[in-house]
Every structure is written in C-alpha cells, then in structure tokens.
Amino acid sequence: MSTVEQATSADGTPIAYEAYGSGPVAVVVGGAFCDRGSFRDVAQALGELGLTCVTYDRRGRGDSGDTQPYAVAREVEDLTAVISAAGEDDSAAYAFGVSSGGALVLEAAATGAPLTKASVLEVPYRTAGWPPPPADYIERLEAFEAAGDREGILRFFNREAVGMPDEMVDGLKGSPMWEPMLSMTYTVKYDGFCLGGDEQDIPAETFARVTIPVLTVCSSGTAMPWLHDSAQVVADALPNATAVELPGEFHHVPASTLAPALAEFFTG
C-alpha cells in the first residue's frame, strides 16, 4: 500500500491521498459512499501503466477535513490541490470519476481545473427513463442529518434515490460495508449537489464549457437501462466525448479491464 499523503486545498482543508506509479497524474474520484480505498485497485493498475495514479478521500471522508460551508467549487479546489501535490510538473493531468464522482470531474473540467482529458463511469443524471429524484431531496437528507440519523440517510439514499429493494438494504446492514458507509452518510448530500441538487438533470450550460476530450464508460453488467445508457447520453451532450461499453458487473468495471482502457485513452 502507498503512503498516505496530504494535500492542502485552497480553503485550508487537508485532503488525504495515495499515489501509485510514476508519470503524468491521473486522479480517481469516487462517488457516494466511496473513500480512497474504494478504487485503490484501479489506482494500482494505472500506476503500473505509466501513470502517477491518485486515489483520495473527498472532503468529509476518511482522513480528509470538512471545512464548512460546503460548495461544489470547494471540491473542485480539492481535486486541483491533489493534482498539484501529486504531480512533478504542470504537464498532462487526467481524472476518472465514478458515478456521482463523474459529475464532480465534469464540473472541474468546465470550471478550469488543470485537466487534459477526463473519463467518467455511469454518472447518474436523471436521464430519460429514470424517475425524478425524491421531492426535496437535499432538504430530506439535511433533516436526517439534523436528527443525527445516519442510518436514515443510508436507507433513504439506497431505497428512494437508487431504487434498491428493502431486502437489499436490509442485507447491507449485516455486511462489512455497513459501518464504513455510515461514517460517510453526511457527505451524501455533497454528491447530490455535484449532480445539481434536487433536479439532477444533465447540466447543459456546464457541459458546453467542457472542451477537453472525455471518455464516458458504461458496464455491460449494468441492467438498469437509464444508468447503462447514461454513458451515451452524457457523451452526446458534451462537445468532445466518446462512449464505450466495457465488460463488467452492475455499475462496476474490474480494474483489469478498466485500467488499460483508461491508460490508452489518457496517454494515447
């Protein structure tokens, strides 16, 4: 395992990260309930393919701070700080965002973060075929938070935002994932803000400012059409993007398949 390093964001927030390999910087940005360990296998695989691949704790998670008030712009500054801390120069830098982490990557690309290329996997914008998010989504998350009800957030997100059946949510409670997920529940609203708050539609004005090349990825194992097809919908909405399907499981592509595809796109 790599040594845990620390970057300092523009507002002074410490951001914990791990770096693997050497070469141009590629940062992996996780989505809801993800910390720097969630995609360590991807970072390690990319580190073996000629990149300095970084995985980090987004603010409010793991060993990173959580300076308030929150704003998506602060998370863009966090990503920029990680790129600066991990890179040896100001040459090419890349980012790969998973799920709602992809929305953050696209926001960063639109607002001037030092990215040369970017890739995202199944960003869950509310595209055609997906029912709208729960009414007052952010407000309801904040109500759970005010009550100190972490389990309420976890259940609300998985049942009403993701559409997970009750029995699957109940099954999570007995799994090793439950406690780590509980520790990150208050950051779920951050992912909501990255996706646009209560609406979570594709942000056309933001996308128009993403001029770098983007590779949008979907997994062959993602059975929900609105999530699987989001890769093509997002690609069609961006000025310079290509969609690709890779063999994988639900909302996940194994590192052994994903890393070579990303490395070829980033450095090819």
C-alpha atoms as a PDB file:
ATOM      1  CA  MET A   1       0.000   0.000   0.000  1.00  0.00           C
ATOM      2  CA  SER A   2       1.169   3.513  -0.781  1.00  0.00           C
ATOM      3  CA  THR A   3       1.965   6.010   1.955  1.00  0.00           C
ATOM      4  CA  VAL A   4      -0.888   8.344   2.810  1.00  0.00           C
ATOM      5  CA  GLU A   5      -0.002  11.885   1.730  1.00  0.00           C
ATOM      6  CA  GLN A   6      -1.780  15.173   2.347  1.00  0.00           C
ATOM      7  CA  ALA A   7      -2.692  17.991   0.014  1.00  0.00           C
ATOM      8  CA  THR A   8      -3.989  21.323   1.269  1.00  0.00           C
ATOM      9  CA  SER A   9      -6.990  22.761  -0.529  1.00  0.00           C
ATOM     10  CA  ALA A  10      -7.466  26.454  -1.206  1.00  0.00           C
ATOM     11  CA  ASP A  11      -9.594  26.925   1.928  1.00  0.00           C
ATOM     12  CA  GLY A  12      -7.029  25.118   4.101  1.00  0.00           C
ATOM     13  CA  THR A  13      -8.837  21.768   4.207  1.00  0.00           C
ATOM     14  CA  PRO A  14      -6.458  18.794   4.430  1.00  0.00           C
ATOM     15  CA  ILE A  15      -7.131  16.193   1.726  1.00  0.00           C
ATOM     16  CA  ALA A  16      -5.656  12.704   2.217  1.00  0.00           C
ATOM     17  CA  TYR A  17      -4.456  10.816  -0.845  1.00  0.00           C
ATOM     18  CA  GLU A  18      -2.384   7.854  -2.015  1.00  0.00           C
ATOM     19  CA  ALA A  19      -0.305   7.819  -5.194  1.00  0.00           C
ATOM     20  CA  TYR A  20       0.851   4.834  -7.231  1.00  0.00           C
ATOM     21  CA  GLY A  21       3.371   4.630 -10.062  1.00  0.00           C
ATOM     22  CA  SER A  22       5.102   7.445 -11.894  1.00  0.00           C
ATOM     23  CA  GLY A  23       4.338   9.599 -14.908  1.00  0.00           C
ATOM     24  CA  PRO A  24       1.516  12.043 -15.667  1.00  0.00           C
ATOM     25  CA  VAL A  25      -1.038  12.396 -12.882  1.00  0.00           C
ATOM     26  CA  ALA A  26      -4.382  10.610 -13.138  1.00  0.00           C
ATOM     27  CA  VAL A  27      -6.799  11.090 -10.242  1.00  0.00           C
ATOM     28  CA  VAL A  28      -9.629   8.685  -9.429  1.00  0.00           C
ATOM     29  CA  VAL A  29     -12.685  10.453  -7.973  1.00  0.00           C
ATOM     30  CA  GLY A  30     -15.173   8.226  -6.169  1.00  0.00           C
ATOM     31  CA  GLY A  31     -18.908   8.731  -5.839  1.00  0.00           C
ATOM     32  CA  ALA A  32     -21.267   8.393  -2.886  1.00  0.00           C
ATOM     33  CA  PHE A  33     -20.025   6.242  -0.001  1.00  0.00           C
ATOM     34  CA  CYS A  34     -16.552   5.950  -1.569  1.00  0.00           C
ATOM     35  CA  ASP A  35     -13.241   6.780   0.070  1.00  0.00           C
ATOM     36  CA  ARG A  36      -9.668   6.488  -1.149  1.00  0.00           C
ATOM     37  CA  GLY A  37      -9.698   2.711  -0.636  1.00  0.00           C
ATOM     38  CA  SER A  38     -12.717   2.120  -2.864  1.00  0.00           C
ATOM     39  CA  PHE A  39     -10.739   2.291  -6.112  1.00  0.00           C
ATOM     40  CA  ARG A  40      -7.256   1.506  -4.882  1.00  0.00           C
ATOM     41  CA  ASP A  41      -7.134  -1.459  -7.274  1.00  0.00           C
ATOM     42  CA  VAL A  42      -7.747   0.869 -10.232  1.00  0.00           C
ATOM     43  CA  ALA A  43      -5.084   3.294  -8.996  1.00  0.00           C
ATOM     44  CA  GLN A  44      -2.561   0.499  -8.558  1.00  0.00           C
ATOM     45  CA  ALA A  45      -3.310  -0.892 -12.023  1.00  0.00           C
ATOM     46  CA  LEU A  46      -2.956   2.530 -13.654  1.00  0.00           C
ATOM     47  CA  GLY A  47       0.243   3.071 -11.675  1.00  0.00           C
ATOM     48  CA  GLU A  48       1.689   0.038 -13.439  1.00  0.00           C
ATOM     49  CA  LEU A  49       0.758   1.507 -16.840  1.00  0.00           C
ATOM     50  CA  GLY A  50       2.942   4.612 -16.845  1.00  0.00           C
ATOM     51  CA  LEU A  51       0.858   6.999 -14.744  1.00  0.00           C
ATOM     52  CA  THR A  52       1.019   8.510 -11.276  1.00  0.00           C
ATOM     53  CA  CYS A  53      -2.462   7.435 -10.248  1.00  0.00           C
ATOM     54  CA  VAL A  54      -4.006   9.029  -7.198  1.00  0.00           C
ATOM     55  CA  THR A  55      -6.984   7.995  -5.113  1.00  0.00           C
ATOM     56  CA  TYR A  56      -8.137  10.344  -2.378  1.00  0.00           C
ATOM     57  CA  ASP A  57     -10.628  10.927   0.406  1.00  0.00           C
ATOM     58  CA  ARG A  58     -13.073  13.560  -0.759  1.00  0.00           C
ATOM     59  CA  ARG A  59     -13.790  16.146   1.915  1.00  0.00           C
ATOM     60  CA  GLY A  60     -15.768  14.800   4.839  1.00  0.00           C
ATOM     61  CA  ARG A  61     -14.497  11.247   4.291  1.00  0.00           C
ATOM     62  CA  GLY A  62     -11.699   9.172   5.748  1.00  0.00           C
ATOM     63  CA  ASP A  63      -8.702  11.250   6.763  1.00  0.00           C
ATOM     64  CA  SER A  64      -9.709  14.446   4.946  1.00  0.00           C
ATOM     65  CA  GLY A  65     -11.161  17.524   6.597  1.00  0.00           C
ATOM     66  CA  ASP A  66     -14.584  19.036   6.030  1.00  0.00           C
ATOM     67  CA  THR A  67     -14.372  22.807   6.283  1.00  0.00           C
ATOM     68  CA  GLN A  68     -17.792  24.458   6.143  1.00  0.00           C
ATOM     69  CA  PRO A  69     -19.755  25.828   4.402  1.00  0.00           C
ATOM     70  CA  TYR A  70     -19.786  23.238   1.649  1.00  0.00           C
ATOM     71  CA  ALA A  71     -19.787  24.178  -2.040  1.00  0.00           C
ATOM     72  CA  VAL A  72     -19.074  22.138  -5.164  1.00  0.00           C
ATOM     73  CA  ALA A  73     -16.432  24.746  -6.010  1.00  0.00           C
ATOM     74  CA  ARG A  74     -14.524  23.728  -2.869  1.00  0.00           C
ATOM     75  CA  GLU A  75     -14.428  20.128  -4.136  1.00  0.00           C
ATOM     76  CA  VAL A  76     -13.062  21.348  -7.457  1.00  0.00           C
ATOM     77  CA  GLU A  77     -10.341  23.119  -5.471  1.00  0.00           C
ATOM     78  CA  ASP A  78      -9.684  19.863  -3.579  1.00  0.00           C
ATOM     79  CA  LEU A  79      -9.152  17.991  -6.851  1.00  0.00           C
ATOM     80  CA  THR A  80      -6.873  20.744  -8.127  1.00  0.00           C
ATOM     81  CA  ALA A  81      -4.842  20.618  -4.898  1.00  0.00           C
ATOM     82  CA  VAL A  82      -4.410  16.846  -5.211  1.00  0.00           C
ATOM     83  CA  ILE A  83      -3.237  17.183  -8.819  1.00  0.00           C
ATOM     84  CA  SER A  84      -0.726  19.838  -7.773  1.00  0.00           C
ATOM     85  CA  ALA A  85       0.549  17.871  -4.774  1.00  0.00           C
ATOM     86  CA  ALA A  86       0.974  14.591  -6.671  1.00  0.00           C
ATOM     87  CA  GLY A  87       2.405  15.996  -9.910  1.00  0.00           C
ATOM     88  CA  GLU A  88       6.037  16.700 -10.583  1.00  0.00           C
ATOM     89  CA  ASP A  89       5.332  19.392 -13.161  1.00  0.00           C
ATOM     90  CA  ASP A  90       2.474  21.157 -14.892  1.00  0.00           C
ATOM     91  CA  SER A  91       2.183  18.724 -17.798  1.00  0.00           C
ATOM     92  CA  ALA A  92      -0.770  16.478 -18.603  1.00  0.00           C
ATOM     93  CA  ALA A  93      -3.231  15.636 -15.857  1.00  0.00           C
ATOM     94  CA  TYR A  94      -6.233  13.346 -16.099  1.00  0.00           C
ATOM     95  CA  ALA A  95      -9.217  12.416 -13.952  1.00  0.00           C
ATOM     96  CA  PHE A  96     -11.580   9.456 -13.834  1.00  0.00           C
ATOM     97  CA  GLY A  97     -14.859   9.950 -11.973  1.00  0.00           C
ATOM     98  CA  VAL A  98     -17.090   7.096 -10.865  1.00  0.00           C
ATOM     99  CA  SER A  99     -20.855   7.639 -10.642  1.00  0.00           C
ATOM    100  CA  SER A 100     -21.549  10.995  -8.931  1.00  0.00           C
ATOM    101  CA  GLY A 101     -17.778  11.498  -8.764  1.00  0.00           C
ATOM    102  CA  GLY A 102     -18.025  11.812 -12.527  1.00  0.00           C
ATOM    103  CA  ALA A 103     -20.307  14.810 -12.120  1.00  0.00           C
ATOM    104  CA  LEU A 104     -17.604  16.431  -9.988  1.00  0.00           C
ATOM    105  CA  VAL A 105     -14.971  15.679 -12.629  1.00  0.00           C
ATOM    106  CA  LEU A 106     -17.097  17.252 -15.365  1.00  0.00           C
ATOM    107  CA  GLU A 107     -17.746  20.309 -13.184  1.00  0.00           C
ATOM    108  CA  ALA A 108     -13.992  20.588 -12.608  1.00  0.00           C
ATOM    109  CA  ALA A 109     -13.310  20.338 -16.337  1.00  0.00           C
ATOM    110  CA  ALA A 110     -15.882  23.050 -17.009  1.00  0.00           C
ATOM    111  CA  THR A 111     -14.507  25.463 -14.430  1.00  0.00           C
ATOM    112  CA  GLY A 112     -10.843  25.432 -15.327  1.00  0.00           C
ATOM    113  CA  ALA A 113      -9.253  22.640 -13.312  1.00  0.00           C
ATOM    114  CA  PRO A 114      -5.898  21.648 -14.879  1.00  0.00           C
ATOM    115  CA  LEU A 115      -7.172  18.595 -16.738  1.00  0.00           C
ATOM    116  CA  THR A 116      -6.032  17.464 -20.181  1.00  0.00           C
ATOM    117  CA  LYS A 117      -8.529  14.610 -20.550  1.00  0.00           C
ATOM    118  CA  ALA A 118     -11.263  13.108 -18.364  1.00  0.00           C
ATOM    119  CA  SER A 119     -13.288   9.933 -18.123  1.00  0.00           C
ATOM    120  CA  VAL A 120     -16.484   9.141 -16.225  1.00  0.00           C
ATOM    121  CA  LEU A 121     -18.401   5.962 -15.451  1.00  0.00           C
ATOM    122  CA  GLU A 122     -22.212   5.939 -15.437  1.00  0.00           C
ATOM    123  CA  VAL A 123     -22.899   9.374 -13.988  1.00  0.00           C
ATOM    124  CA  PRO A 124     -26.448   9.109 -12.578  1.00  0.00           C
ATOM    125  CA  TYR A 125     -28.019  12.213 -14.047  1.00  0.00           C
ATOM    126  CA  ARG A 126     -31.795  11.834 -14.289  1.00  0.00           C
ATOM    127  CA  THR A 127     -31.962  10.972 -17.955  1.00  0.00           C
ATOM    128  CA  ALA A 128     -34.961   9.623 -19.881  1.00  0.00           C
ATOM    129  CA  GLY A 129     -36.480   6.528 -18.343  1.00  0.00           C
ATOM    130  CA  TRP A 130     -35.346   7.303 -14.810  1.00  0.00           C
ATOM    131  CA  PRO A 131     -37.992   8.687 -12.445  1.00  0.00           C
ATOM    132  CA  PRO A 132     -37.149  12.059 -10.907  1.00  0.00           C
ATOM    133  CA  PRO A 133     -35.287  12.140  -7.598  1.00  0.00           C
ATOM    134  CA  PRO A 134     -37.339  12.200  -4.403  1.00  0.00           C
ATOM    135  CA  ALA A 135     -39.043  15.535  -3.786  1.00  0.00           C
ATOM    136  CA  ASP A 136     -36.960  17.941  -1.690  1.00  0.00           C
ATOM    137  CA  TYR A 137     -34.039  15.513  -1.924  1.00  0.00           C
ATOM    138  CA  ILE A 138     -31.389  17.714  -0.294  1.00  0.00           C
ATOM    139  CA  GLU A 139     -33.801  19.011   2.346  1.00  0.00           C
ATOM    140  CA  ARG A 140     -34.720  15.480   3.360  1.00  0.00           C
ATOM    141  CA  LEU A 141     -31.077  14.459   3.641  1.00  0.00           C
ATOM    142  CA  GLU A 142     -30.441  17.507   5.820  1.00  0.00           C
ATOM    143  CA  ALA A 143     -33.410  16.610   8.033  1.00  0.00           C
ATOM    144  CA  PHE A 144     -31.908  13.183   8.714  1.00  0.00           C
ATOM    145  CA  GLU A 145     -28.563  14.852   9.418  1.00  0.00           C
ATOM    146  CA  ALA A 146     -30.125  17.340  11.849  1.00  0.00           C
ATOM    147  CA  ALA A 147     -31.676  14.410  13.702  1.00  0.00           C
ATOM    148  CA  GLY A 148     -28.342  12.573  13.818  1.00  0.00           C
ATOM    149  CA  ASP A 149     -29.919   9.703  11.885  1.00  0.00           C
ATOM    150  CA  ARG A 150     -27.104   8.255   9.793  1.00  0.00           C
ATOM    151  CA  GLU A 151     -28.979   5.021   9.152  1.00  0.00           C
ATOM    152  CA  GLY A 152     -31.944   7.043   7.916  1.00  0.00           C
ATOM    153  CA  ILE A 153     -29.736   8.721   5.317  1.00  0.00           C
ATOM    154  CA  LEU A 154     -28.284   5.428   4.192  1.00  0.00           C
ATOM    155  CA  ARG A 155     -31.699   3.803   3.839  1.00  0.00           C
ATOM    156  CA  PHE A 156     -33.285   6.857   2.188  1.00  0.00           C
ATOM    157  CA  PHE A 157     -30.495   7.123  -0.378  1.00  0.00           C
ATOM    158  CA  ASN A 158     -30.439   3.448  -1.294  1.00  0.00           C
ATOM    159  CA  ARG A 159     -34.198   2.909  -1.324  1.00  0.00           C
ATOM    160  CA  GLU A 160     -35.575   6.146  -2.743  1.00  0.00           C
ATOM    161  CA  ALA A 161     -32.680   7.629  -4.715  1.00  0.00           C
ATOM    162  CA  VAL A 162     -31.069   4.451  -6.049  1.00  0.00           C
ATOM    163  CA  GLY A 163     -34.188   2.259  -6.109  1.00  0.00           C
ATOM    164  CA  MET A 164     -32.712  -0.604  -4.101  1.00  0.00           C
ATOM    165  CA  PRO A 165     -35.344  -3.067  -2.754  1.00  0.00           C
ATOM    166  CA  ASP A 166     -35.843  -3.136   1.034  1.00  0.00           C
ATOM    167  CA  GLU A 167     -34.375  -6.620   1.332  1.00  0.00           C
ATOM    168  CA  MET A 168     -31.148  -5.493  -0.324  1.00  0.00           C
ATOM    169  CA  VAL A 169     -30.875  -2.504   2.006  1.00  0.00           C
ATOM    170  CA  ASP A 170     -31.507  -4.805   4.985  1.00  0.00           C
ATOM    171  CA  GLY A 171     -28.771  -7.090   3.668  1.00  0.00           C
ATOM    172  CA  LEU A 172     -26.277  -4.241   3.726  1.00  0.00           C
ATOM    173  CA  LYS A 173     -26.709  -3.902   7.489  1.00  0.00           C
ATOM    174  CA  GLY A 174     -25.056  -7.237   8.112  1.00  0.00           C
ATOM    175  CA  SER A 175     -22.227  -6.660   5.653  1.00  0.00           C
ATOM    176  CA  PRO A 176     -18.694  -5.289   6.212  1.00  0.00           C
ATOM    177  CA  MET A 177     -19.711  -2.230   4.169  1.00  0.00           C
ATOM    178  CA  TRP A 178     -22.307  -1.013   6.666  1.00  0.00           C
ATOM    179  CA  GLU A 179     -20.111   0.780   9.207  1.00  0.00           C
ATOM    180  CA  PRO A 180     -17.839   2.464   6.618  1.00  0.00           C
ATOM    181  CA  MET A 181     -20.944   3.631   4.762  1.00  0.00           C
ATOM    182  CA  LEU A 182     -22.456   5.022   7.956  1.00  0.00           C
ATOM    183  CA  SER A 183     -19.302   7.056   8.541  1.00  0.00           C
ATOM    184  CA  MET A 184     -19.800   8.821   5.188  1.00  0.00           C
ATOM    185  CA  THR A 185     -23.553   9.422   5.290  1.00  0.00           C
ATOM    186  CA  TYR A 186     -23.328  13.180   5.859  1.00  0.00           C
ATOM    187  CA  THR A 187     -21.423  13.546   2.573  1.00  0.00           C
ATOM    188  CA  VAL A 188     -24.239  12.002   0.505  1.00  0.00           C
ATOM    189  CA  LYS A 189     -25.741  15.454   0.066  1.00  0.00           C
ATOM    190  CA  TYR A 190     -22.399  16.615  -1.366  1.00  0.00           C
ATOM    191  CA  ASP A 191     -22.865  14.132  -4.202  1.00  0.00           C
ATOM    192  CA  GLY A 192     -26.401  15.451  -4.602  1.00  0.00           C
ATOM    193  CA  PHE A 193     -25.047  18.969  -5.010  1.00  0.00           C
ATOM    194  CA  CYS A 194     -22.494  17.735  -7.575  1.00  0.00           C
ATOM    195  CA  LEU A 195     -25.363  16.260  -9.585  1.00  0.00           C
ATOM    196  CA  GLY A 196     -27.333  19.504  -9.417  1.00  0.00           C
ATOM    197  CA  GLY A 197     -29.272  19.360  -6.143  1.00  0.00           C
ATOM    198  CA  ASP A 198     -32.937  18.385  -6.317  1.00  0.00           C
ATOM    199  CA  GLU A 199     -33.275  18.228 -10.100  1.00  0.00           C
ATOM    200  CA  GLN A 200     -30.140  16.301 -11.154  1.00  0.00           C
ATOM    201  CA  ASP A 201     -30.724  16.826 -14.871  1.00  0.00           C
ATOM    202  CA  ILE A 202     -27.826  16.988 -17.329  1.00  0.00           C
ATOM    203  CA  PRO A 203     -26.317  20.489 -16.894  1.00  0.00           C
ATOM    204  CA  ALA A 204     -26.225  21.663 -20.499  1.00  0.00           C
ATOM    205  CA  GLU A 205     -24.565  25.008 -19.746  1.00  0.00           C
ATOM    206  CA  THR A 206     -21.815  23.320 -17.717  1.00  0.00           C
ATOM    207  CA  PHE A 207     -21.245  20.675 -20.378  1.00  0.00           C
ATOM    208  CA  ALA A 208     -20.868  23.339 -23.055  1.00  0.00           C
ATOM    209  CA  ARG A 209     -17.742  24.548 -21.259  1.00  0.00           C
ATOM    210  CA  VAL A 210     -16.089  21.098 -21.158  1.00  0.00           C
ATOM    211  CA  THR A 211     -13.751  21.395 -24.124  1.00  0.00           C
ATOM    212  CA  ILE A 212     -11.279  18.619 -23.246  1.00  0.00           C
ATOM    213  CA  PRO A 213     -11.730  15.083 -24.623  1.00  0.00           C
ATOM    214  CA  VAL A 214     -13.944  12.895 -22.424  1.00  0.00           C
ATOM    215  CA  LEU A 215     -14.414   9.124 -22.433  1.00  0.00           C
ATOM    216  CA  THR A 216     -17.746   8.028 -20.947  1.00  0.00           C
ATOM    217  CA  VAL A 217     -17.853   4.423 -19.769  1.00  0.00           C
ATOM    218  CA  CYS A 218     -20.672   2.012 -19.019  1.00  0.00           C
ATOM    219  CA  SER A 219     -20.565  -1.557 -17.786  1.00  0.00           C
ATOM    220  CA  SER A 220     -22.132  -4.429 -19.708  1.00  0.00           C
ATOM    221  CA  GLY A 221     -23.452  -5.727 -16.384  1.00  0.00           C
ATOM    222  CA  THR A 222     -25.495  -2.635 -15.531  1.00  0.00           C
ATOM    223  CA  ALA A 223     -29.002  -3.896 -16.137  1.00  0.00           C
ATOM    224  CA  MET A 224     -30.858  -0.624 -15.412  1.00  0.00           C
ATOM    225  CA  PRO A 225     -31.164   0.964 -18.885  1.00  0.00           C
ATOM    226  CA  TRP A 226     -31.234   4.567 -17.619  1.00  0.00           C
ATOM    227  CA  LEU A 227     -27.910   4.042 -15.809  1.00  0.00           C
ATOM    228  CA  HIS A 228     -26.227   1.938 -18.508  1.00  0.00           C
ATOM    229  CA  ASP A 229     -27.349   4.332 -21.238  1.00  0.00           C
ATOM    230  CA  SER A 230     -26.208   7.419 -19.328  1.00  0.00           C
ATOM    231  CA  ALA A 231     -22.736   6.979 -20.828  1.00  0.00           C
ATOM    232  CA  GLN A 232     -24.060   7.584 -24.333  1.00  0.00           C
ATOM    233  CA  VAL A 233     -26.452  10.333 -23.229  1.00  0.00           C
ATOM    234  CA  VAL A 234     -23.652  12.190 -21.441  1.00  0.00           C
ATOM    235  CA  ALA A 235     -21.298  11.723 -24.392  1.00  0.00           C
ATOM    236  CA  ASP A 236     -23.915  13.120 -26.763  1.00  0.00           C
ATOM    237  CA  ALA A 237     -24.342  16.187 -24.541  1.00  0.00           C
ATOM    238  CA  LEU A 238     -20.621  17.001 -24.363  1.00  0.00           C
ATOM    239  CA  PRO A 239     -18.720  18.842 -27.126  1.00  0.00           C
ATOM    240  CA  ASN A 240     -15.884  16.301 -27.410  1.00  0.00           C
ATOM    241  CA  ALA A 241     -16.766  12.897 -25.971  1.00  0.00           C
ATOM    242  CA  THR A 242     -16.843   9.212 -26.878  1.00  0.00           C
ATOM    243  CA  ALA A 243     -18.876   6.500 -25.178  1.00  0.00           C
ATOM    244  CA  VAL A 244     -17.672   2.939 -24.669  1.00  0.00           C
ATOM    245  CA  GLU A 245     -19.136  -0.174 -23.060  1.00  0.00           C
ATOM    246  CA  LEU A 246     -16.721  -2.425 -21.152  1.00  0.00           C
ATOM    247  CA  PRO A 247     -17.426  -5.900 -19.764  1.00  0.00           C
ATOM    248  CA  GLY A 248     -18.239  -5.733 -16.085  1.00  0.00           C
ATOM    249  CA  GLU A 249     -20.775  -6.057 -13.291  1.00  0.00           C
ATOM    250  CA  PHE A 250     -23.529  -3.742 -12.083  1.00  0.00           C
ATOM    251  CA  HIS A 251     -22.177  -0.157 -12.020  1.00  0.00           C
ATOM    252  CA  HIS A 252     -18.627  -1.528 -11.939  1.00  0.00           C
ATOM    253  CA  VAL A 253     -15.874  -2.489 -14.373  1.00  0.00           C
ATOM    254  CA  PRO A 254     -12.986  -4.587 -12.974  1.00  0.00           C
ATOM    255  CA  ALA A 255      -9.634  -2.831 -12.708  1.00  0.00           C
ATOM    256  CA  SER A 256      -8.028  -5.405 -15.005  1.00  0.00           C
ATOM    257  CA  THR A 257     -10.375  -4.277 -17.796  1.00  0.00           C
ATOM    258  CA  LEU A 258     -10.865  -0.644 -16.876  1.00  0.00           C
ATOM    259  CA  ALA A 259      -7.245   0.415 -16.298  1.00  0.00           C
ATOM    260  CA  PRO A 260      -5.902  -0.489 -19.774  1.00  0.00           C
ATOM    261  CA  ALA A 261      -8.840   1.285 -21.436  1.00  0.00           C
ATOM    262  CA  LEU A 262      -8.258   4.418 -19.354  1.00  0.00           C
ATOM    263  CA  ALA A 263      -4.489   4.368 -19.881  1.00  0.00           C
ATOM    264  CA  GLU A 264      -4.930   4.065 -23.654  1.00  0.00           C
ATOM    265  CA  PHE A 265      -7.378   6.973 -23.677  1.00  0.00           C
ATOM    266  CA  PHE A 266      -5.349   9.205 -21.389  1.00  0.00           C
ATOM    267  CA  THR A 267      -1.934   8.693 -22.957  1.00  0.00           C
ATOM    268  CA  GLY A 268      -2.798   7.536 -26.483  1.00  0.00           C
END
